[in-house]
Amino acid sequence: MPGSVKHGCDHVFFIGFLGAGKSTLARNLGNMFNRRFVDTDRLVERRAGMSVGAMYRSRGERYFRRLETQALRSLQSERSLLVSCGGGVVETPENIDLMHAMGFCVYLDGDLDDSLRQIRSYAARPDFHSPEHAAGLLAHRKPLYEQAADLTIDIRGRSFKEVSYQCAELLLERGLL
């Protein structure tokens, strides 16, 4: 897939729903291949000086989304990062454009049961109100993830280790690791 390698930045962005394992995958691959990994939610928290949950409560989702876009823009001067993105990163079209300009998007495609199994604290997930709300959010975001994806990995019923090895293999084949 030679056309998929971008010039300039060569980041790999992991997108997907809440609890899909994006941060775990970025960390695992970073450790396996000695690559730096970052999490956009953590970048936003450092920039704002508060947690994502506190931002949602005090300033609202629009404020958070603005900072999320700024965090993505800040990665333009970096090279070869593995980037775990927040579940709603695809809600902002500019974010999708930025990710495509800077690298390659890997969509971790799971179902609601996969997400619910991984979410340890609902309170730490500001856009998670209930399993019913999450089902609606997933239905809304799924086509956005699919559109943004350069590569989709089905994570249903698979361990983090299995997903890590499959993702590593697919990214190595494309010259992205």
N, C-alpha and C. Protein backbone atom coordinates (compact mmCIF):
# COMPACT_ATOMS: atom_id res chain seq x y z
N MET A 1 0.84 -1.19 0.00
CA MET A 1 0.00 0.00 0.00
C MET A 1 0.88 1.25 0.00
N PRO A 2 1.69 1.46 -1.01
CA PRO A 2 2.66 2.54 -1.03
C PRO A 2 2.04 3.92 -0.92
N GLY A 3 0.84 4.13 -1.42
CA GLY A 3 0.22 5.45 -1.37
C GLY A 3 -0.17 5.89 0.02
N SER A 4 -0.13 4.98 0.99
CA SER A 4 -0.60 5.33 2.33
C SER A 4 0.47 5.95 3.21
N VAL A 5 1.73 5.90 2.78
CA VAL A 5 2.80 6.49 3.59
C VAL A 5 2.83 7.99 3.30
N LYS A 6 2.76 8.79 4.35
CA LYS A 6 2.70 10.23 4.20
C LYS A 6 4.11 10.82 4.26
N HIS A 7 4.27 11.99 3.70
CA HIS A 7 5.55 12.70 3.77
C HIS A 7 5.50 13.64 4.97
N GLY A 8 6.65 13.97 5.54
CA GLY A 8 6.67 14.83 6.72
C GLY A 8 6.44 13.98 7.95
N CYS A 9 5.35 14.27 8.67
CA CYS A 9 5.01 13.49 9.85
C CYS A 9 4.69 12.05 9.45
N ASP A 10 5.00 11.14 10.35
CA ASP A 10 4.71 9.73 10.07
C ASP A 10 4.11 9.06 11.30
N HIS A 11 3.17 9.77 11.90
CA HIS A 11 2.52 9.24 13.10
C HIS A 11 1.53 8.14 12.74
N VAL A 12 1.25 7.30 13.74
CA VAL A 12 0.16 6.32 13.64
C VAL A 12 -0.84 6.72 14.72
N PHE A 13 -2.07 7.01 14.28
CA PHE A 13 -3.15 7.43 15.17
C PHE A 13 -4.09 6.25 15.39
N PHE A 14 -4.40 5.97 16.65
CA PHE A 14 -5.33 4.90 17.00
C PHE A 14 -6.66 5.54 17.38
N ILE A 15 -7.69 5.17 16.64
CA ILE A 15 -9.02 5.71 16.88
C ILE A 15 -9.97 4.56 17.18
N GLY A 16 -11.05 4.88 17.85
CA GLY A 16 -12.05 3.88 18.19
C GLY A 16 -12.84 4.33 19.40
N PHE A 17 -13.81 3.54 19.76
CA PHE A 17 -14.74 3.90 20.82
C PHE A 17 -14.09 3.78 22.19
N LEU A 18 -14.77 4.31 23.18
CA LEU A 18 -14.34 4.22 24.58
C LEU A 18 -14.01 2.77 24.94
N GLY A 19 -12.88 2.57 25.58
CA GLY A 19 -12.53 1.24 26.06
C GLY A 19 -12.05 0.28 24.99
N ALA A 20 -11.76 0.78 23.77
CA ALA A 20 -11.31 -0.11 22.69
C ALA A 20 -9.87 -0.57 22.88
N GLY A 21 -9.14 0.07 23.78
CA GLY A 21 -7.75 -0.33 24.03
C GLY A 21 -6.73 0.48 23.25
N LYS A 22 -7.11 1.69 22.84
CA LYS A 22 -6.21 2.53 22.04
C LYS A 22 -4.93 2.88 22.81
N SER A 23 -5.07 3.28 24.05
CA SER A 23 -3.89 3.65 24.85
C SER A 23 -3.01 2.45 25.12
N THR A 24 -3.63 1.32 25.44
CA THR A 24 -2.87 0.09 25.70
C THR A 24 -2.11 -0.33 24.45
N LEU A 25 -2.75 -0.25 23.29
CA LEU A 25 -2.10 -0.64 22.05
C LEU A 25 -0.94 0.30 21.73
N ALA A 26 -1.14 1.60 21.85
CA ALA A 26 -0.05 2.55 21.58
C ALA A 26 1.13 2.29 22.51
N ARG A 27 0.84 2.04 23.78
CA ARG A 27 1.90 1.76 24.76
C ARG A 27 2.61 0.44 24.42
N ASN A 28 1.83 -0.61 24.12
CA ASN A 28 2.43 -1.91 23.78
C ASN A 28 3.34 -1.80 22.56
N LEU A 29 2.84 -1.17 21.49
CA LEU A 29 3.64 -1.04 20.27
C LEU A 29 4.85 -0.13 20.51
N GLY A 30 4.66 0.90 21.31
CA GLY A 30 5.78 1.79 21.65
C GLY A 30 6.89 1.02 22.34
N ASN A 31 6.51 0.17 23.28
CA ASN A 31 7.50 -0.65 23.99
C ASN A 31 8.13 -1.69 23.08
N MET A 32 7.33 -2.29 22.19
CA MET A 32 7.84 -3.33 21.29
C MET A 32 8.83 -2.76 20.27
N PHE A 33 8.57 -1.54 19.81
CA PHE A 33 9.35 -0.97 18.70
C PHE A 33 10.15 0.27 19.09
N ASN A 34 10.24 0.52 20.39
CA ASN A 34 11.01 1.66 20.88
C ASN A 34 10.57 2.96 20.21
N ARG A 35 9.25 3.17 20.18
CA ARG A 35 8.67 4.39 19.61
C ARG A 35 7.95 5.14 20.72
N ARG A 36 7.99 6.46 20.65
CA ARG A 36 7.26 7.27 21.62
C ARG A 36 5.76 7.16 21.38
N PHE A 37 5.00 7.15 22.46
CA PHE A 37 3.55 7.13 22.35
C PHE A 37 2.97 8.23 23.21
N VAL A 38 1.90 8.82 22.72
CA VAL A 38 1.21 9.88 23.46
C VAL A 38 -0.29 9.61 23.41
N ASP A 39 -0.99 10.21 24.33
CA ASP A 39 -2.43 10.09 24.43
C ASP A 39 -3.01 11.50 24.34
N THR A 40 -3.89 11.74 23.37
CA THR A 40 -4.40 13.10 23.19
C THR A 40 -5.15 13.61 24.41
N ASP A 41 -5.87 12.73 25.11
CA ASP A 41 -6.57 13.17 26.31
C ASP A 41 -5.58 13.67 27.37
N ARG A 42 -4.46 12.98 27.53
CA ARG A 42 -3.45 13.42 28.51
C ARG A 42 -2.81 14.74 28.08
N LEU A 43 -2.58 14.92 26.77
CA LEU A 43 -2.04 16.19 26.27
C LEU A 43 -2.99 17.34 26.59
N VAL A 44 -4.29 17.10 26.38
CA VAL A 44 -5.30 18.13 26.67
C VAL A 44 -5.33 18.42 28.16
N GLU A 45 -5.28 17.38 28.99
CA GLU A 45 -5.30 17.59 30.45
C GLU A 45 -4.12 18.43 30.91
N ARG A 46 -2.94 18.14 30.37
CA ARG A 46 -1.76 18.93 30.75
C ARG A 46 -1.91 20.38 30.32
N ARG A 47 -2.43 20.59 29.12
CA ARG A 47 -2.61 21.95 28.59
C ARG A 47 -3.62 22.73 29.44
N ALA A 48 -4.71 22.06 29.85
CA ALA A 48 -5.78 22.73 30.59
C ALA A 48 -5.53 22.76 32.10
N GLY A 49 -4.66 21.88 32.58
CA GLY A 49 -4.43 21.81 34.01
C GLY A 49 -5.58 21.19 34.78
N MET A 50 -6.37 20.36 34.10
CA MET A 50 -7.48 19.67 34.77
C MET A 50 -7.82 18.41 33.98
N SER A 51 -8.55 17.53 34.63
CA SER A 51 -8.93 16.27 33.98
C SER A 51 -9.98 16.52 32.89
N VAL A 52 -10.11 15.56 32.00
CA VAL A 52 -11.14 15.66 30.95
C VAL A 52 -12.51 15.79 31.60
N GLY A 53 -12.78 15.00 32.63
CA GLY A 53 -14.07 15.07 33.32
C GLY A 53 -14.33 16.45 33.89
N ALA A 54 -13.32 17.03 34.52
CA ALA A 54 -13.48 18.38 35.09
C ALA A 54 -13.72 19.41 33.98
N MET A 55 -13.05 19.23 32.85
CA MET A 55 -13.26 20.14 31.71
C MET A 55 -14.70 20.07 31.22
N TYR A 56 -15.22 18.86 31.06
CA TYR A 56 -16.60 18.69 30.61
C TYR A 56 -17.55 19.37 31.58
N ARG A 57 -17.32 19.17 32.89
CA ARG A 57 -18.22 19.74 33.90
C ARG A 57 -18.13 21.26 33.97
N SER A 58 -16.91 21.80 33.92
CA SER A 58 -16.76 23.24 34.15
C SER A 58 -16.79 24.07 32.88
N ARG A 59 -16.29 23.55 31.78
CA ARG A 59 -16.17 24.35 30.55
C ARG A 59 -16.96 23.79 29.38
N GLY A 60 -17.37 22.53 29.46
CA GLY A 60 -18.19 21.93 28.41
C GLY A 60 -17.38 21.19 27.35
N GLU A 61 -18.10 20.39 26.56
CA GLU A 61 -17.46 19.57 25.54
C GLU A 61 -16.81 20.41 24.45
N ARG A 62 -17.45 21.54 24.07
CA ARG A 62 -16.87 22.36 22.99
C ARG A 62 -15.48 22.85 23.36
N TYR A 63 -15.29 23.25 24.61
CA TYR A 63 -13.98 23.69 25.09
C TYR A 63 -12.97 22.54 24.96
N PHE A 64 -13.38 21.36 25.43
CA PHE A 64 -12.50 20.20 25.34
C PHE A 64 -12.13 19.92 23.88
N ARG A 65 -13.11 19.93 22.99
CA ARG A 65 -12.85 19.62 21.58
C ARG A 65 -11.89 20.63 20.96
N ARG A 66 -11.99 21.91 21.34
CA ARG A 66 -11.03 22.92 20.84
C ARG A 66 -9.61 22.58 21.28
N LEU A 67 -9.47 22.22 22.55
CA LEU A 67 -8.14 21.85 23.05
C LEU A 67 -7.63 20.56 22.41
N GLU A 68 -8.53 19.65 22.12
CA GLU A 68 -8.15 18.40 21.46
C GLU A 68 -7.55 18.69 20.08
N THR A 69 -8.18 19.60 19.34
CA THR A 69 -7.66 19.97 18.02
C THR A 69 -6.30 20.66 18.16
N GLN A 70 -6.16 21.53 19.16
CA GLN A 70 -4.86 22.17 19.40
C GLN A 70 -3.78 21.13 19.74
N ALA A 71 -4.16 20.13 20.52
CA ALA A 71 -3.20 19.07 20.88
C ALA A 71 -2.75 18.32 19.63
N LEU A 72 -3.69 18.01 18.75
CA LEU A 72 -3.32 17.33 17.50
C LEU A 72 -2.39 18.21 16.67
N ARG A 73 -2.74 19.50 16.55
CA ARG A 73 -1.88 20.42 15.78
C ARG A 73 -0.46 20.45 16.35
N SER A 74 -0.34 20.36 17.67
CA SER A 74 0.98 20.44 18.30
C SER A 74 1.87 19.26 17.92
N LEU A 75 1.30 18.20 17.39
CA LEU A 75 2.07 17.02 17.00
C LEU A 75 2.72 17.18 15.63
N GLN A 76 2.40 18.26 14.92
CA GLN A 76 2.94 18.47 13.58
C GLN A 76 4.45 18.63 13.57
N SER A 77 5.02 19.06 14.67
CA SER A 77 6.47 19.26 14.72
C SER A 77 7.21 18.02 15.22
N GLU A 78 6.47 16.97 15.52
CA GLU A 78 7.06 15.72 16.03
C GLU A 78 7.19 14.71 14.89
N ARG A 79 7.90 13.61 15.17
CA ARG A 79 8.03 12.55 14.18
C ARG A 79 7.80 11.20 14.84
N SER A 80 7.20 10.30 14.09
CA SER A 80 7.12 8.87 14.42
C SER A 80 6.45 8.56 15.76
N LEU A 81 5.39 9.27 16.07
CA LEU A 81 4.67 9.00 17.31
C LEU A 81 3.57 7.96 17.10
N LEU A 82 3.28 7.22 18.15
CA LEU A 82 2.10 6.37 18.22
C LEU A 82 1.11 7.15 19.08
N VAL A 83 -0.03 7.50 18.51
CA VAL A 83 -0.93 8.45 19.16
C VAL A 83 -2.27 7.78 19.46
N SER A 84 -2.59 7.68 20.74
CA SER A 84 -3.89 7.20 21.17
C SER A 84 -4.83 8.40 21.22
N CYS A 85 -5.92 8.33 20.49
CA CYS A 85 -6.86 9.45 20.42
C CYS A 85 -8.09 9.17 21.26
N GLY A 86 -8.67 10.22 21.80
CA GLY A 86 -9.91 10.10 22.54
C GLY A 86 -11.01 9.57 21.63
N GLY A 87 -11.99 8.92 22.19
CA GLY A 87 -13.05 8.30 21.42
C GLY A 87 -13.83 9.25 20.53
N GLY A 88 -13.90 10.52 20.91
CA GLY A 88 -14.67 11.50 20.13
C GLY A 88 -13.84 12.34 19.18
N VAL A 89 -12.58 11.99 18.98
CA VAL A 89 -11.71 12.79 18.11
C VAL A 89 -12.31 12.94 16.71
N VAL A 90 -13.06 11.95 16.26
CA VAL A 90 -13.65 11.98 14.92
C VAL A 90 -14.87 12.89 14.82
N GLU A 91 -15.32 13.43 15.95
CA GLU A 91 -16.47 14.34 15.95
C GLU A 91 -16.13 15.68 15.27
N THR A 92 -14.84 16.00 15.18
CA THR A 92 -14.38 17.26 14.60
C THR A 92 -13.70 16.97 13.26
N PRO A 93 -14.32 17.36 12.14
CA PRO A 93 -13.74 17.06 10.83
C PRO A 93 -12.29 17.53 10.68
N GLU A 94 -11.95 18.67 11.26
CA GLU A 94 -10.56 19.16 11.18
C GLU A 94 -9.58 18.15 11.79
N ASN A 95 -10.01 17.47 12.85
CA ASN A 95 -9.13 16.48 13.48
C ASN A 95 -8.80 15.35 12.51
N ILE A 96 -9.80 14.92 11.77
CA ILE A 96 -9.59 13.84 10.79
C ILE A 96 -8.61 14.31 9.72
N ASP A 97 -8.79 15.54 9.24
CA ASP A 97 -7.87 16.10 8.25
C ASP A 97 -6.45 16.18 8.80
N LEU A 98 -6.32 16.63 10.04
CA LEU A 98 -4.99 16.74 10.67
C LEU A 98 -4.33 15.36 10.77
N MET A 99 -5.08 14.37 11.23
CA MET A 99 -4.50 13.02 11.37
C MET A 99 -4.05 12.48 10.02
N HIS A 100 -4.87 12.68 8.99
CA HIS A 100 -4.49 12.18 7.66
C HIS A 100 -3.28 12.94 7.11
N ALA A 101 -3.17 14.22 7.41
CA ALA A 101 -2.03 14.99 6.94
C ALA A 101 -0.74 14.56 7.65
N MET A 102 -0.87 14.10 8.89
CA MET A 102 0.32 13.77 9.69
C MET A 102 0.65 12.29 9.73
N GLY A 103 -0.24 11.44 9.22
CA GLY A 103 0.07 10.03 9.35
C GLY A 103 -1.04 9.12 8.91
N PHE A 104 -1.21 8.06 9.66
CA PHE A 104 -2.01 6.90 9.29
C PHE A 104 -2.98 6.60 10.43
N CYS A 105 -4.26 6.38 10.12
CA CYS A 105 -5.27 6.11 11.15
C CYS A 105 -5.62 4.63 11.21
N VAL A 106 -5.51 4.08 12.41
CA VAL A 106 -5.88 2.68 12.65
C VAL A 106 -7.13 2.69 13.53
N TYR A 107 -8.21 2.11 13.02
CA TYR A 107 -9.47 2.03 13.74
C TYR A 107 -9.57 0.69 14.44
N LEU A 108 -9.71 0.73 15.76
CA LEU A 108 -9.93 -0.48 16.55
C LEU A 108 -11.44 -0.68 16.65
N ASP A 109 -11.93 -1.60 15.85
CA ASP A 109 -13.36 -1.80 15.69
C ASP A 109 -13.86 -2.89 16.63
N GLY A 110 -14.65 -2.47 17.61
CA GLY A 110 -15.23 -3.41 18.54
C GLY A 110 -16.71 -3.13 18.70
N ASP A 111 -17.35 -3.90 19.55
CA ASP A 111 -18.76 -3.62 19.81
C ASP A 111 -18.91 -3.09 21.23
N LEU A 112 -20.11 -2.77 21.59
CA LEU A 112 -20.36 -2.14 22.89
C LEU A 112 -19.92 -3.05 24.04
N ASP A 113 -20.09 -4.36 23.91
CA ASP A 113 -19.68 -5.28 24.98
C ASP A 113 -18.18 -5.19 25.24
N ASP A 114 -17.38 -5.05 24.17
CA ASP A 114 -15.92 -4.90 24.34
C ASP A 114 -15.62 -3.65 25.16
N SER A 115 -16.30 -2.56 24.83
CA SER A 115 -16.08 -1.30 25.54
C SER A 115 -16.50 -1.39 27.00
N LEU A 116 -17.69 -1.91 27.24
CA LEU A 116 -18.20 -1.98 28.61
C LEU A 116 -17.30 -2.85 29.49
N ARG A 117 -16.73 -3.89 28.91
CA ARG A 117 -15.83 -4.78 29.66
C ARG A 117 -14.57 -4.03 30.10
N GLN A 118 -14.10 -3.08 29.29
CA GLN A 118 -12.84 -2.40 29.57
C GLN A 118 -12.99 -1.15 30.44
N ILE A 119 -14.18 -0.58 30.46
CA ILE A 119 -14.39 0.65 31.21
C ILE A 119 -14.51 0.33 32.69
N ARG A 120 -13.48 0.70 33.45
CA ARG A 120 -13.47 0.41 34.88
C ARG A 120 -14.26 1.44 35.68
N SER A 121 -14.18 2.69 35.25
CA SER A 121 -14.87 3.75 35.99
C SER A 121 -15.65 4.61 35.01
N TYR A 122 -16.98 4.53 35.10
CA TYR A 122 -17.80 5.36 34.23
C TYR A 122 -17.61 6.84 34.54
N ALA A 123 -17.32 7.16 35.81
CA ALA A 123 -17.15 8.56 36.21
C ALA A 123 -15.97 9.21 35.48
N ALA A 124 -14.96 8.41 35.13
CA ALA A 124 -13.79 8.95 34.44
C ALA A 124 -14.04 9.16 32.95
N ARG A 125 -15.20 8.76 32.47
CA ARG A 125 -15.54 8.88 31.04
C ARG A 125 -16.68 9.89 30.91
N PRO A 126 -16.36 11.16 30.67
CA PRO A 126 -17.40 12.20 30.70
C PRO A 126 -18.47 12.07 29.62
N ASP A 127 -18.17 11.39 28.51
CA ASP A 127 -19.22 11.25 27.50
C ASP A 127 -19.93 9.91 27.61
N PHE A 128 -19.74 9.23 28.75
CA PHE A 128 -20.41 7.96 29.01
C PHE A 128 -21.43 8.19 30.13
N HIS A 129 -22.70 8.15 29.78
CA HIS A 129 -23.74 8.40 30.79
C HIS A 129 -24.42 7.11 31.24
N SER A 130 -24.58 6.18 30.31
CA SER A 130 -25.23 4.91 30.61
C SER A 130 -24.94 3.97 29.44
N PRO A 131 -25.12 2.68 29.63
CA PRO A 131 -24.94 1.76 28.49
C PRO A 131 -25.85 2.11 27.30
N GLU A 132 -27.05 2.60 27.57
CA GLU A 132 -27.97 2.97 26.48
C GLU A 132 -27.43 4.18 25.73
N HIS A 133 -26.96 5.17 26.47
CA HIS A 133 -26.37 6.37 25.84
C HIS A 133 -25.13 5.97 25.03
N ALA A 134 -24.32 5.10 25.60
CA ALA A 134 -23.10 4.65 24.90
C ALA A 134 -23.45 3.94 23.60
N ALA A 135 -24.53 3.15 23.59
CA ALA A 135 -24.95 2.46 22.37
C ALA A 135 -25.30 3.47 21.28
N GLY A 136 -25.99 4.53 21.64
CA GLY A 136 -26.33 5.58 20.68
C GLY A 136 -25.10 6.32 20.18
N LEU A 137 -24.18 6.58 21.10
CA LEU A 137 -22.93 7.28 20.73
C LEU A 137 -22.10 6.42 19.78
N LEU A 138 -22.02 5.13 20.07
CA LEU A 138 -21.28 4.22 19.19
C LEU A 138 -21.92 4.17 17.80
N ALA A 139 -23.24 4.10 17.75
CA ALA A 139 -23.94 4.06 16.46
C ALA A 139 -23.66 5.34 15.66
N HIS A 140 -23.59 6.47 16.35
CA HIS A 140 -23.28 7.75 15.70
C HIS A 140 -21.84 7.81 15.21
N ARG A 141 -20.90 7.34 16.04
CA ARG A 141 -19.48 7.48 15.71
C ARG A 141 -18.94 6.41 14.77
N LYS A 142 -19.54 5.24 14.75
CA LYS A 142 -19.00 4.13 13.95
C LYS A 142 -18.74 4.54 12.49
N PRO A 143 -19.70 5.17 11.80
CA PRO A 143 -19.41 5.57 10.42
C PRO A 143 -18.27 6.61 10.32
N LEU A 144 -18.13 7.45 11.35
CA LEU A 144 -17.04 8.43 11.36
C LEU A 144 -15.69 7.73 11.49
N TYR A 145 -15.63 6.73 12.36
CA TYR A 145 -14.40 5.94 12.50
C TYR A 145 -14.07 5.24 11.18
N GLU A 146 -15.08 4.62 10.59
CA GLU A 146 -14.87 3.86 9.35
C GLU A 146 -14.36 4.77 8.24
N GLN A 147 -14.93 5.97 8.14
CA GLN A 147 -14.51 6.93 7.12
C GLN A 147 -13.08 7.40 7.35
N ALA A 148 -12.71 7.61 8.60
CA ALA A 148 -11.38 8.15 8.93
C ALA A 148 -10.28 7.10 8.81
N ALA A 149 -10.65 5.83 8.89
CA ALA A 149 -9.66 4.75 9.00
C ALA A 149 -8.90 4.51 7.70
N ASP A 150 -7.57 4.38 7.85
CA ASP A 150 -6.73 3.87 6.76
C ASP A 150 -6.63 2.35 6.89
N LEU A 151 -6.83 1.86 8.11
CA LEU A 151 -6.74 0.43 8.41
C LEU A 151 -7.71 0.15 9.55
N THR A 152 -8.46 -0.94 9.44
CA THR A 152 -9.40 -1.33 10.50
C THR A 152 -8.97 -2.68 11.05
N ILE A 153 -8.94 -2.76 12.38
CA ILE A 153 -8.62 -4.03 13.06
C ILE A 153 -9.81 -4.41 13.92
N ASP A 154 -10.33 -5.59 13.69
CA ASP A 154 -11.46 -6.10 14.47
C ASP A 154 -10.93 -6.61 15.81
N ILE A 155 -11.39 -5.99 16.89
CA ILE A 155 -10.89 -6.36 18.23
C ILE A 155 -11.88 -7.26 18.98
N ARG A 156 -12.99 -7.60 18.38
CA ARG A 156 -14.03 -8.36 19.08
C ARG A 156 -13.50 -9.69 19.62
N GLY A 157 -13.64 -9.85 20.93
CA GLY A 157 -13.28 -11.11 21.57
C GLY A 157 -11.79 -11.43 21.54
N ARG A 158 -10.95 -10.44 21.32
CA ARG A 158 -9.51 -10.70 21.22
C ARG A 158 -8.76 -10.02 22.36
N SER A 159 -7.65 -10.61 22.75
CA SER A 159 -6.84 -10.04 23.83
C SER A 159 -6.02 -8.86 23.30
N PHE A 160 -5.55 -8.02 24.23
CA PHE A 160 -4.69 -6.90 23.85
C PHE A 160 -3.44 -7.42 23.15
N LYS A 161 -2.94 -8.55 23.62
CA LYS A 161 -1.73 -9.13 23.03
C LYS A 161 -1.98 -9.52 21.58
N GLU A 162 -3.09 -10.20 21.33
CA GLU A 162 -3.43 -10.61 19.95
C GLU A 162 -3.57 -9.39 19.04
N VAL A 163 -4.28 -8.38 19.53
CA VAL A 163 -4.49 -7.15 18.74
C VAL A 163 -3.15 -6.46 18.50
N SER A 164 -2.29 -6.41 19.52
CA SER A 164 -0.97 -5.78 19.37
C SER A 164 -0.15 -6.46 18.29
N TYR A 165 -0.11 -7.78 18.31
CA TYR A 165 0.69 -8.50 17.31
C TYR A 165 0.12 -8.34 15.91
N GLN A 166 -1.20 -8.41 15.78
CA GLN A 166 -1.79 -8.24 14.45
C GLN A 166 -1.53 -6.83 13.93
N CYS A 167 -1.72 -5.84 14.79
CA CYS A 167 -1.50 -4.46 14.37
C CYS A 167 -0.04 -4.24 13.98
N ALA A 168 0.88 -4.77 14.79
CA ALA A 168 2.31 -4.64 14.49
C ALA A 168 2.62 -5.23 13.12
N GLU A 169 2.09 -6.41 12.87
CA GLU A 169 2.33 -7.09 11.59
C GLU A 169 1.82 -6.24 10.42
N LEU A 170 0.61 -5.73 10.54
CA LEU A 170 0.01 -4.94 9.46
C LEU A 170 0.74 -3.62 9.25
N LEU A 171 1.17 -2.99 10.33
CA LEU A 171 1.90 -1.72 10.20
C LEU A 171 3.31 -1.95 9.64
N LEU A 172 3.96 -3.05 10.06
CA LEU A 172 5.28 -3.37 9.51
C LEU A 172 5.19 -3.62 8.01
N GLU A 173 4.15 -4.34 7.57
CA GLU A 173 3.97 -4.60 6.14
C GLU A 173 3.88 -3.32 5.34
N ARG A 174 3.35 -2.28 5.97
CA ARG A 174 3.15 -0.99 5.29
C ARG A 174 4.34 -0.04 5.52
N GLY A 175 5.36 -0.50 6.20
CA GLY A 175 6.53 0.34 6.47
C GLY A 175 6.28 1.45 7.46
N LEU A 176 5.30 1.24 8.36
CA LEU A 176 4.92 2.29 9.29
C LEU A 176 5.47 2.08 10.70
N LEU A 177 6.18 0.99 10.93
CA LEU A 177 6.82 0.75 12.23
C LEU A 177 8.28 0.48 12.02
